[in-house]
């Protein structure tokens, strides 16, 4: 295992500190999009746990939605479920709230105040892949591990 980039090492250290031995790997090609990640890993796009950050309009807080790579998030539906309006988060907001740049936002975030929603469709897979702090870094996990690592709420995000 080579030396990880600093942001990816933060995720590896966090996983180990939480008692998980999942290994963060860095790929030669970008995994910035779910399609790119799936091609690089040789898995289905739906097995990519993409991390999307929204800015909640009423509270100004961040919401992290971890969606199956093949799904679109129904923002209006999800907003109704959580009782807030979902707004777009710009790159500065995402970096400030999660510590990561867009394309590398990991489900394993350090800020416990960020509400996490998990796409129920991810639960059908034995293994899924999430970003690990850098656009080329990923780690494999089970859906149960994703729920444990994020303390996320499993919902239907498609509406």
N, C-alpha and C. Protein backbone atom coordinates (compact mmCIF):
# COMPACT_ATOMS: atom_id res chain seq x y z
N UNK A 1 0.85 -1.19 0.00
CA UNK A 1 0.00 0.00 0.00
C UNK A 1 0.89 1.24 0.00
N UNK A 2 0.68 2.10 -0.99
CA UNK A 2 1.47 3.33 -1.10
C UNK A 2 0.99 4.39 -0.12
N UNK A 3 1.70 5.48 -0.11
CA UNK A 3 1.34 6.59 0.76
C UNK A 3 0.09 7.27 0.20
N UNK A 4 -0.91 7.44 1.06
CA UNK A 4 -2.15 8.08 0.65
C UNK A 4 -1.99 9.60 0.69
N UNK A 5 -2.77 10.28 -0.15
CA UNK A 5 -2.83 11.73 -0.07
C UNK A 5 -3.39 12.11 1.30
N UNK A 6 -3.06 13.29 1.77
CA UNK A 6 -3.41 13.71 3.13
C UNK A 6 -4.90 13.54 3.44
N UNK A 7 -5.76 14.01 2.53
CA UNK A 7 -7.20 13.93 2.79
C UNK A 7 -7.70 12.48 2.83
N UNK A 8 -7.11 11.61 2.02
CA UNK A 8 -7.47 10.19 2.03
C UNK A 8 -6.96 9.52 3.31
N UNK A 9 -5.78 9.94 3.77
CA UNK A 9 -5.23 9.38 5.01
C UNK A 9 -6.11 9.74 6.21
N UNK A 10 -6.73 10.91 6.18
CA UNK A 10 -7.65 11.32 7.25
C UNK A 10 -8.80 10.30 7.34
N UNK A 11 -9.31 9.87 6.19
CA UNK A 11 -10.41 8.89 6.18
C UNK A 11 -9.90 7.54 6.66
N UNK A 12 -8.73 7.12 6.19
CA UNK A 12 -8.17 5.84 6.64
C UNK A 12 -7.98 5.85 8.15
N UNK A 13 -7.42 6.92 8.69
CA UNK A 13 -7.21 7.03 10.14
C UNK A 13 -8.52 7.01 10.89
N UNK A 14 -9.53 7.68 10.34
CA UNK A 14 -10.85 7.73 10.97
C UNK A 14 -11.49 6.35 11.01
N UNK A 15 -11.37 5.61 9.91
CA UNK A 15 -11.92 4.24 9.85
C UNK A 15 -11.24 3.37 10.91
N UNK A 16 -9.92 3.44 10.98
CA UNK A 16 -9.17 2.63 11.95
C UNK A 16 -9.53 3.01 13.38
N UNK A 17 -9.66 4.32 13.63
CA UNK A 17 -10.00 4.80 14.97
C UNK A 17 -11.38 4.32 15.41
N UNK A 18 -12.27 4.11 14.43
CA UNK A 18 -13.63 3.64 14.73
C UNK A 18 -13.71 2.12 14.76
N UNK A 19 -12.55 1.45 14.59
CA UNK A 19 -12.51 -0.01 14.68
C UNK A 19 -12.80 -0.74 13.38
N UNK A 20 -12.68 -0.06 12.25
CA UNK A 20 -12.92 -0.69 10.94
C UNK A 20 -11.60 -0.90 10.22
N UNK A 21 -11.46 -2.05 9.56
CA UNK A 21 -10.21 -2.32 8.84
C UNK A 21 -10.36 -2.13 7.33
N UNK A 22 -11.43 -1.44 6.91
CA UNK A 22 -11.62 -1.14 5.49
C UNK A 22 -10.42 -0.34 4.99
N UNK A 23 -9.93 -0.70 3.81
CA UNK A 23 -8.73 -0.06 3.29
C UNK A 23 -9.06 1.00 2.24
N UNK A 24 -8.56 2.19 2.45
CA UNK A 24 -8.69 3.26 1.47
C UNK A 24 -7.68 2.99 0.36
N UNK A 25 -8.17 3.05 -0.88
CA UNK A 25 -7.29 2.86 -2.03
C UNK A 25 -7.36 4.09 -2.93
N UNK A 26 -6.25 4.37 -3.60
CA UNK A 26 -6.24 5.45 -4.58
C UNK A 26 -6.10 4.84 -5.96
N UNK A 27 -6.95 5.30 -6.85
CA UNK A 27 -6.97 4.78 -8.21
C UNK A 27 -6.23 5.72 -9.15
N UNK A 28 -5.78 5.18 -10.26
CA UNK A 28 -5.04 5.99 -11.24
C UNK A 28 -5.96 7.02 -11.89
N UNK A 29 -7.21 6.63 -12.09
CA UNK A 29 -8.17 7.51 -12.76
C UNK A 29 -9.10 8.16 -11.75
N UNK A 30 -9.71 9.24 -12.17
CA UNK A 30 -10.64 9.97 -11.31
C UNK A 30 -11.86 9.12 -10.98
N UNK A 31 -12.34 9.30 -9.77
CA UNK A 31 -13.60 8.67 -9.36
C UNK A 31 -14.57 9.78 -8.97
N UNK A 32 -14.40 10.94 -9.59
CA UNK A 32 -15.20 12.11 -9.26
C UNK A 32 -16.70 11.88 -9.53
N UNK A 33 -17.02 11.11 -10.56
CA UNK A 33 -18.42 10.79 -10.82
C UNK A 33 -18.65 9.30 -10.53
N UNK A 34 -19.89 8.94 -10.27
CA UNK A 34 -20.23 7.54 -9.99
C UNK A 34 -19.86 6.64 -11.17
N UNK A 35 -20.09 7.14 -12.40
CA UNK A 35 -19.78 6.35 -13.59
C UNK A 35 -18.27 6.09 -13.68
N UNK A 36 -17.45 7.12 -13.44
CA UNK A 36 -16.00 6.96 -13.47
C UNK A 36 -15.54 5.97 -12.40
N UNK A 37 -16.11 6.10 -11.21
CA UNK A 37 -15.73 5.21 -10.12
C UNK A 37 -16.08 3.76 -10.44
N UNK A 38 -17.28 3.55 -10.94
CA UNK A 38 -17.72 2.19 -11.27
C UNK A 38 -16.83 1.56 -12.34
N UNK A 39 -16.47 2.35 -13.36
CA UNK A 39 -15.60 1.85 -14.42
C UNK A 39 -14.23 1.48 -13.86
N UNK A 40 -13.70 2.32 -12.99
CA UNK A 40 -12.37 2.07 -12.41
C UNK A 40 -12.37 0.86 -11.48
N UNK A 41 -13.49 0.62 -10.80
CA UNK A 41 -13.57 -0.46 -9.82
C UNK A 41 -14.14 -1.76 -10.38
N UNK A 42 -14.75 -1.67 -11.56
CA UNK A 42 -15.36 -2.87 -12.15
C UNK A 42 -16.62 -3.31 -11.42
N UNK A 43 -17.40 -2.33 -10.95
CA UNK A 43 -18.66 -2.66 -10.28
C UNK A 43 -19.80 -1.91 -10.97
N UNK A 44 -21.01 -2.13 -10.49
CA UNK A 44 -22.17 -1.43 -11.03
C UNK A 44 -22.17 0.02 -10.53
N UNK A 45 -22.67 0.92 -11.37
CA UNK A 45 -22.80 2.33 -10.97
C UNK A 45 -23.64 2.43 -9.70
N UNK A 46 -24.65 1.58 -9.58
CA UNK A 46 -25.55 1.61 -8.42
C UNK A 46 -24.84 1.25 -7.11
N UNK A 47 -23.65 0.61 -7.19
CA UNK A 47 -22.90 0.25 -5.99
C UNK A 47 -22.00 1.38 -5.49
N UNK A 48 -21.98 2.49 -6.23
CA UNK A 48 -21.20 3.64 -5.80
C UNK A 48 -22.08 4.48 -4.86
N UNK A 49 -21.58 4.70 -3.66
CA UNK A 49 -22.30 5.52 -2.67
C UNK A 49 -21.82 6.96 -2.84
N UNK A 50 -22.54 7.70 -3.69
CA UNK A 50 -22.10 9.08 -3.97
C UNK A 50 -22.58 10.00 -2.85
N UNK A 51 -21.69 10.90 -2.46
CA UNK A 51 -21.98 11.84 -1.38
C UNK A 51 -22.33 13.20 -1.97
N UNK A 52 -23.57 13.63 -1.72
CA UNK A 52 -24.05 14.90 -2.23
C UNK A 52 -24.38 15.80 -1.04
N UNK A 53 -23.82 16.99 -1.02
CA UNK A 53 -24.07 17.92 0.08
C UNK A 53 -25.06 18.99 -0.38
N UNK A 54 -26.08 19.22 0.45
CA UNK A 54 -27.05 20.28 0.21
C UNK A 54 -26.94 21.31 1.33
N UNK A 55 -27.35 22.52 1.00
CA UNK A 55 -27.45 23.58 2.01
C UNK A 55 -28.92 23.71 2.35
N UNK A 56 -29.26 23.48 3.61
CA UNK A 56 -30.65 23.57 4.04
C UNK A 56 -31.01 25.05 4.19
N UNK A 57 -32.05 25.48 3.48
CA UNK A 57 -32.36 26.91 3.40
C UNK A 57 -32.83 27.50 4.72
N UNK A 58 -33.63 26.75 5.47
CA UNK A 58 -34.17 27.31 6.72
C UNK A 58 -33.11 27.41 7.82
N UNK A 59 -32.33 26.37 7.99
CA UNK A 59 -31.37 26.32 9.11
C UNK A 59 -29.95 26.71 8.72
N UNK A 60 -29.67 26.78 7.42
CA UNK A 60 -28.34 27.08 6.91
C UNK A 60 -27.33 25.97 7.24
N UNK A 61 -27.83 24.80 7.65
CA UNK A 61 -26.97 23.65 7.95
C UNK A 61 -26.70 22.86 6.68
N UNK A 62 -25.75 21.94 6.78
CA UNK A 62 -25.45 21.04 5.67
C UNK A 62 -26.24 19.74 5.85
N UNK A 63 -26.63 19.16 4.73
CA UNK A 63 -27.25 17.84 4.70
C UNK A 63 -26.42 17.00 3.75
N UNK A 64 -25.97 15.84 4.23
CA UNK A 64 -25.21 14.92 3.39
C UNK A 64 -26.13 13.78 2.99
N UNK A 65 -26.34 13.64 1.69
CA UNK A 65 -27.15 12.55 1.17
C UNK A 65 -26.19 11.56 0.50
N UNK A 66 -26.25 10.32 0.94
CA UNK A 66 -25.42 9.27 0.35
C UNK A 66 -26.34 8.42 -0.52
N UNK A 67 -26.19 8.62 -1.83
CA UNK A 67 -27.12 8.04 -2.80
C UNK A 67 -26.45 6.96 -3.64
N UNK A 68 -27.26 6.01 -4.06
CA UNK A 68 -26.79 5.03 -5.03
C UNK A 68 -26.40 5.78 -6.29
N UNK A 69 -25.27 5.39 -6.87
CA UNK A 69 -24.73 6.09 -8.03
C UNK A 69 -25.66 6.20 -9.22
N UNK A 70 -26.65 5.32 -9.30
CA UNK A 70 -27.56 5.36 -10.44
C UNK A 70 -28.83 6.16 -10.16
N UNK A 71 -28.99 6.66 -8.94
CA UNK A 71 -30.21 7.37 -8.58
C UNK A 71 -30.07 8.88 -8.60
N UNK A 72 -31.18 9.52 -8.96
CA UNK A 72 -31.29 10.98 -8.83
C UNK A 72 -32.04 11.26 -7.54
N UNK A 73 -31.63 12.30 -6.86
CA UNK A 73 -32.27 12.69 -5.60
C UNK A 73 -33.45 13.60 -5.93
N UNK A 74 -34.62 13.24 -5.41
CA UNK A 74 -35.81 14.09 -5.56
C UNK A 74 -35.76 15.09 -4.40
N UNK A 75 -35.23 16.28 -4.69
CA UNK A 75 -34.98 17.27 -3.65
C UNK A 75 -36.26 17.72 -2.95
N UNK A 76 -37.33 17.90 -3.70
CA UNK A 76 -38.60 18.34 -3.11
C UNK A 76 -39.14 17.27 -2.16
N UNK A 77 -39.14 16.02 -2.61
CA UNK A 77 -39.61 14.90 -1.80
C UNK A 77 -38.78 14.77 -0.51
N UNK A 78 -37.46 14.81 -0.66
CA UNK A 78 -36.57 14.66 0.49
C UNK A 78 -36.75 15.82 1.47
N UNK A 79 -36.91 17.02 0.93
CA UNK A 79 -37.15 18.19 1.77
C UNK A 79 -38.42 18.03 2.60
N UNK A 80 -39.45 17.47 1.98
CA UNK A 80 -40.71 17.24 2.71
C UNK A 80 -40.50 16.22 3.83
N UNK A 81 -39.70 15.19 3.57
CA UNK A 81 -39.44 14.17 4.59
C UNK A 81 -38.71 14.73 5.80
N UNK A 82 -37.77 15.65 5.55
CA UNK A 82 -36.97 16.17 6.67
C UNK A 82 -37.46 17.52 7.19
N UNK A 83 -38.41 18.12 6.49
CA UNK A 83 -39.00 19.37 6.96
C UNK A 83 -38.17 20.62 6.68
N UNK A 84 -37.31 20.56 5.67
CA UNK A 84 -36.53 21.74 5.27
C UNK A 84 -36.41 21.75 3.75
N UNK A 85 -36.10 22.91 3.20
CA UNK A 85 -35.90 23.07 1.77
C UNK A 85 -34.43 22.83 1.44
N UNK A 86 -34.20 21.95 0.47
CA UNK A 86 -32.83 21.65 0.05
C UNK A 86 -32.38 22.66 -0.99
N UNK A 87 -31.24 23.27 -0.74
CA UNK A 87 -30.66 24.21 -1.69
C UNK A 87 -29.31 23.71 -2.16
N UNK A 88 -28.82 24.29 -3.22
CA UNK A 88 -27.51 23.92 -3.75
C UNK A 88 -26.42 24.40 -2.80
N UNK A 89 -25.41 23.57 -2.63
CA UNK A 89 -24.25 23.94 -1.83
C UNK A 89 -23.10 24.23 -2.78
N UNK A 90 -22.50 25.40 -2.65
CA UNK A 90 -21.36 25.70 -3.51
C UNK A 90 -20.09 25.05 -2.95
N UNK A 91 -19.03 25.09 -3.74
CA UNK A 91 -17.78 24.40 -3.38
C UNK A 91 -17.23 24.89 -2.04
N UNK A 92 -17.35 26.18 -1.78
CA UNK A 92 -16.84 26.75 -0.53
C UNK A 92 -17.62 26.21 0.68
N UNK A 93 -18.94 26.15 0.56
CA UNK A 93 -19.80 25.63 1.63
C UNK A 93 -19.48 24.16 1.90
N UNK A 94 -19.34 23.37 0.83
CA UNK A 94 -19.05 21.94 0.97
C UNK A 94 -17.72 21.74 1.70
N UNK A 95 -16.70 22.47 1.28
CA UNK A 95 -15.37 22.36 1.90
C UNK A 95 -15.41 22.80 3.36
N UNK A 96 -16.11 23.90 3.63
CA UNK A 96 -16.21 24.42 5.00
C UNK A 96 -16.92 23.44 5.93
N UNK A 97 -18.00 22.84 5.45
CA UNK A 97 -18.81 21.96 6.31
C UNK A 97 -18.25 20.55 6.45
N UNK A 98 -17.66 20.02 5.36
CA UNK A 98 -17.21 18.62 5.39
C UNK A 98 -15.70 18.47 5.51
N UNK A 99 -14.98 19.52 5.13
CA UNK A 99 -13.52 19.42 5.12
C UNK A 99 -12.98 18.84 3.82
N UNK A 100 -13.87 18.53 2.88
CA UNK A 100 -13.46 17.92 1.63
C UNK A 100 -13.96 18.71 0.43
N UNK A 101 -13.23 18.59 -0.68
CA UNK A 101 -13.65 19.22 -1.92
C UNK A 101 -14.72 18.36 -2.59
N UNK A 102 -15.57 19.01 -3.39
CA UNK A 102 -16.58 18.29 -4.16
C UNK A 102 -15.86 17.24 -5.01
N UNK A 103 -16.41 16.04 -5.06
CA UNK A 103 -15.78 14.94 -5.80
C UNK A 103 -15.01 14.00 -4.88
N UNK A 104 -14.74 14.46 -3.66
CA UNK A 104 -14.01 13.63 -2.71
C UNK A 104 -14.69 13.55 -1.35
N UNK A 105 -15.91 14.09 -1.24
CA UNK A 105 -16.62 14.10 0.04
C UNK A 105 -16.90 12.66 0.46
N UNK A 106 -16.39 12.30 1.61
CA UNK A 106 -16.55 10.95 2.11
C UNK A 106 -17.79 10.84 2.99
N UNK A 107 -18.42 9.67 3.02
CA UNK A 107 -19.52 9.47 3.97
C UNK A 107 -19.00 9.55 5.42
N UNK A 108 -17.71 9.30 5.58
CA UNK A 108 -17.10 9.34 6.91
C UNK A 108 -16.65 10.78 7.15
N UNK A 109 -17.56 11.60 7.66
CA UNK A 109 -17.24 13.00 7.91
C UNK A 109 -17.00 13.21 9.40
N UNK A 110 -16.28 14.25 9.71
CA UNK A 110 -15.87 14.48 11.10
C UNK A 110 -16.92 15.28 11.89
N UNK A 111 -17.77 16.02 11.20
CA UNK A 111 -18.72 16.91 11.86
C UNK A 111 -20.03 16.18 12.17
N UNK A 112 -20.22 15.86 13.44
CA UNK A 112 -21.41 15.09 13.86
C UNK A 112 -22.69 15.91 13.77
N UNK A 113 -22.59 17.24 13.53
CA UNK A 113 -23.80 18.06 13.44
C UNK A 113 -24.44 17.97 12.05
N UNK A 114 -23.73 17.40 11.10
CA UNK A 114 -24.28 17.27 9.74
C UNK A 114 -25.22 16.07 9.70
N UNK A 115 -26.47 16.34 9.31
CA UNK A 115 -27.46 15.27 9.17
C UNK A 115 -27.12 14.44 7.94
N UNK A 116 -27.20 13.11 8.09
CA UNK A 116 -26.87 12.21 6.99
C UNK A 116 -28.09 11.37 6.62
N UNK A 117 -28.41 11.37 5.33
CA UNK A 117 -29.50 10.54 4.78
C UNK A 117 -28.85 9.51 3.86
N UNK A 118 -29.27 8.25 3.99
CA UNK A 118 -28.75 7.16 3.16
C UNK A 118 -29.87 6.64 2.26
N UNK A 119 -29.57 6.54 0.99
CA UNK A 119 -30.49 6.01 -0.01
C UNK A 119 -30.79 4.54 0.30
N UNK A 120 -32.07 4.23 0.47
CA UNK A 120 -32.46 2.85 0.79
C UNK A 120 -32.02 1.85 -0.28
N UNK A 121 -31.84 2.31 -1.51
CA UNK A 121 -31.45 1.41 -2.59
C UNK A 121 -30.04 0.82 -2.40
N UNK A 122 -29.19 1.48 -1.60
CA UNK A 122 -27.84 0.95 -1.35
C UNK A 122 -27.88 -0.33 -0.52
N UNK A 123 -28.96 -0.54 0.23
CA UNK A 123 -29.03 -1.67 1.14
C UNK A 123 -29.16 -3.02 0.43
N UNK A 124 -29.45 -3.00 -0.86
CA UNK A 124 -29.61 -4.26 -1.60
C UNK A 124 -28.29 -4.89 -2.02
N UNK A 125 -27.18 -4.16 -1.85
CA UNK A 125 -25.89 -4.66 -2.30
C UNK A 125 -25.06 -5.21 -1.14
N UNK A 126 -24.26 -6.22 -1.46
CA UNK A 126 -23.38 -6.81 -0.47
C UNK A 126 -22.24 -5.85 -0.14
N UNK A 127 -21.70 -5.23 -1.19
CA UNK A 127 -20.60 -4.28 -1.03
C UNK A 127 -20.91 -3.01 -1.80
N UNK A 128 -20.52 -1.89 -1.22
CA UNK A 128 -20.65 -0.60 -1.89
C UNK A 128 -19.33 0.15 -1.72
N UNK A 129 -19.15 1.19 -2.51
CA UNK A 129 -17.91 1.96 -2.50
C UNK A 129 -18.23 3.43 -2.23
N UNK A 130 -17.46 4.05 -1.35
CA UNK A 130 -17.64 5.46 -1.05
C UNK A 130 -16.35 6.23 -1.26
N UNK A 131 -16.50 7.53 -1.46
CA UNK A 131 -15.34 8.40 -1.62
C UNK A 131 -14.56 8.46 -0.31
N UNK A 132 -13.26 8.67 -0.46
CA UNK A 132 -12.39 8.69 0.72
C UNK A 132 -11.57 9.96 0.81
N UNK A 133 -12.25 11.10 0.65
CA UNK A 133 -11.59 12.36 0.90
C UNK A 133 -10.84 12.99 -0.25
N UNK A 134 -10.76 12.29 -1.38
CA UNK A 134 -10.02 12.78 -2.54
C UNK A 134 -10.70 12.22 -3.79
N UNK A 135 -10.71 12.97 -4.91
CA UNK A 135 -11.39 12.49 -6.12
C UNK A 135 -10.89 11.15 -6.68
N UNK A 136 -9.72 10.67 -6.27
CA UNK A 136 -9.22 9.38 -6.75
C UNK A 136 -9.18 8.33 -5.63
N UNK A 137 -9.67 8.66 -4.45
CA UNK A 137 -9.60 7.73 -3.31
C UNK A 137 -10.98 7.20 -2.96
N UNK A 138 -11.05 5.88 -2.73
CA UNK A 138 -12.31 5.22 -2.40
C UNK A 138 -12.07 4.14 -1.35
N UNK A 139 -13.15 3.67 -0.75
CA UNK A 139 -13.05 2.50 0.11
C UNK A 139 -14.32 1.68 -0.01
N UNK A 140 -14.15 0.38 0.16
CA UNK A 140 -15.27 -0.55 0.07
C UNK A 140 -15.85 -0.75 1.46
N UNK A 141 -17.17 -0.94 1.52
CA UNK A 141 -17.85 -1.18 2.79
C UNK A 141 -19.14 -1.93 2.52
N UNK A 142 -19.77 -2.37 3.59
CA UNK A 142 -21.11 -2.96 3.46
C UNK A 142 -22.12 -1.86 3.79
N UNK A 143 -23.37 -2.02 3.35
CA UNK A 143 -24.39 -1.03 3.72
C UNK A 143 -24.53 -0.88 5.24
N UNK A 144 -24.40 -1.97 5.98
CA UNK A 144 -24.48 -1.90 7.44
C UNK A 144 -23.35 -1.03 7.99
N UNK A 145 -22.15 -1.20 7.45
CA UNK A 145 -21.02 -0.36 7.89
C UNK A 145 -21.29 1.11 7.57
N UNK A 146 -21.89 1.38 6.41
CA UNK A 146 -22.21 2.76 6.04
C UNK A 146 -23.16 3.37 7.08
N UNK A 147 -24.16 2.64 7.47
CA UNK A 147 -25.11 3.13 8.46
C UNK A 147 -24.40 3.37 9.80
N UNK A 148 -23.56 2.42 10.20
CA UNK A 148 -22.83 2.55 11.47
C UNK A 148 -21.86 3.74 11.44
N UNK A 149 -21.14 3.90 10.34
CA UNK A 149 -20.13 4.95 10.24
C UNK A 149 -20.72 6.36 10.19
N UNK A 150 -21.93 6.48 9.66
CA UNK A 150 -22.52 7.79 9.46
C UNK A 150 -23.62 8.12 10.45
N UNK A 151 -24.15 7.11 11.13
CA UNK A 151 -25.34 7.28 11.97
C UNK A 151 -26.46 7.90 11.11
N UNK A 152 -26.47 7.50 9.84
CA UNK A 152 -27.40 8.07 8.89
C UNK A 152 -28.79 7.45 8.96
N UNK A 153 -29.75 8.20 8.45
CA UNK A 153 -31.14 7.75 8.40
C UNK A 153 -31.41 7.22 7.00
N UNK A 154 -31.92 5.99 6.89
CA UNK A 154 -32.21 5.37 5.62
C UNK A 154 -33.59 5.82 5.14
N UNK A 155 -33.63 6.42 3.94
CA UNK A 155 -34.89 6.93 3.39
C UNK A 155 -34.98 6.65 1.90
N UNK A 156 -36.19 6.75 1.37
CA UNK A 156 -36.41 6.72 -0.07
C UNK A 156 -36.11 8.13 -0.59
N UNK A 157 -35.03 8.27 -1.33
CA UNK A 157 -34.63 9.61 -1.79
C UNK A 157 -35.19 9.96 -3.16
N UNK A 158 -35.85 8.98 -3.81
CA UNK A 158 -36.35 9.20 -5.17
C UNK A 158 -37.77 9.75 -5.20
N UNK A 159 -38.51 9.53 -4.13
CA UNK A 159 -39.87 10.05 -4.06
C UNK A 159 -40.90 9.22 -4.75
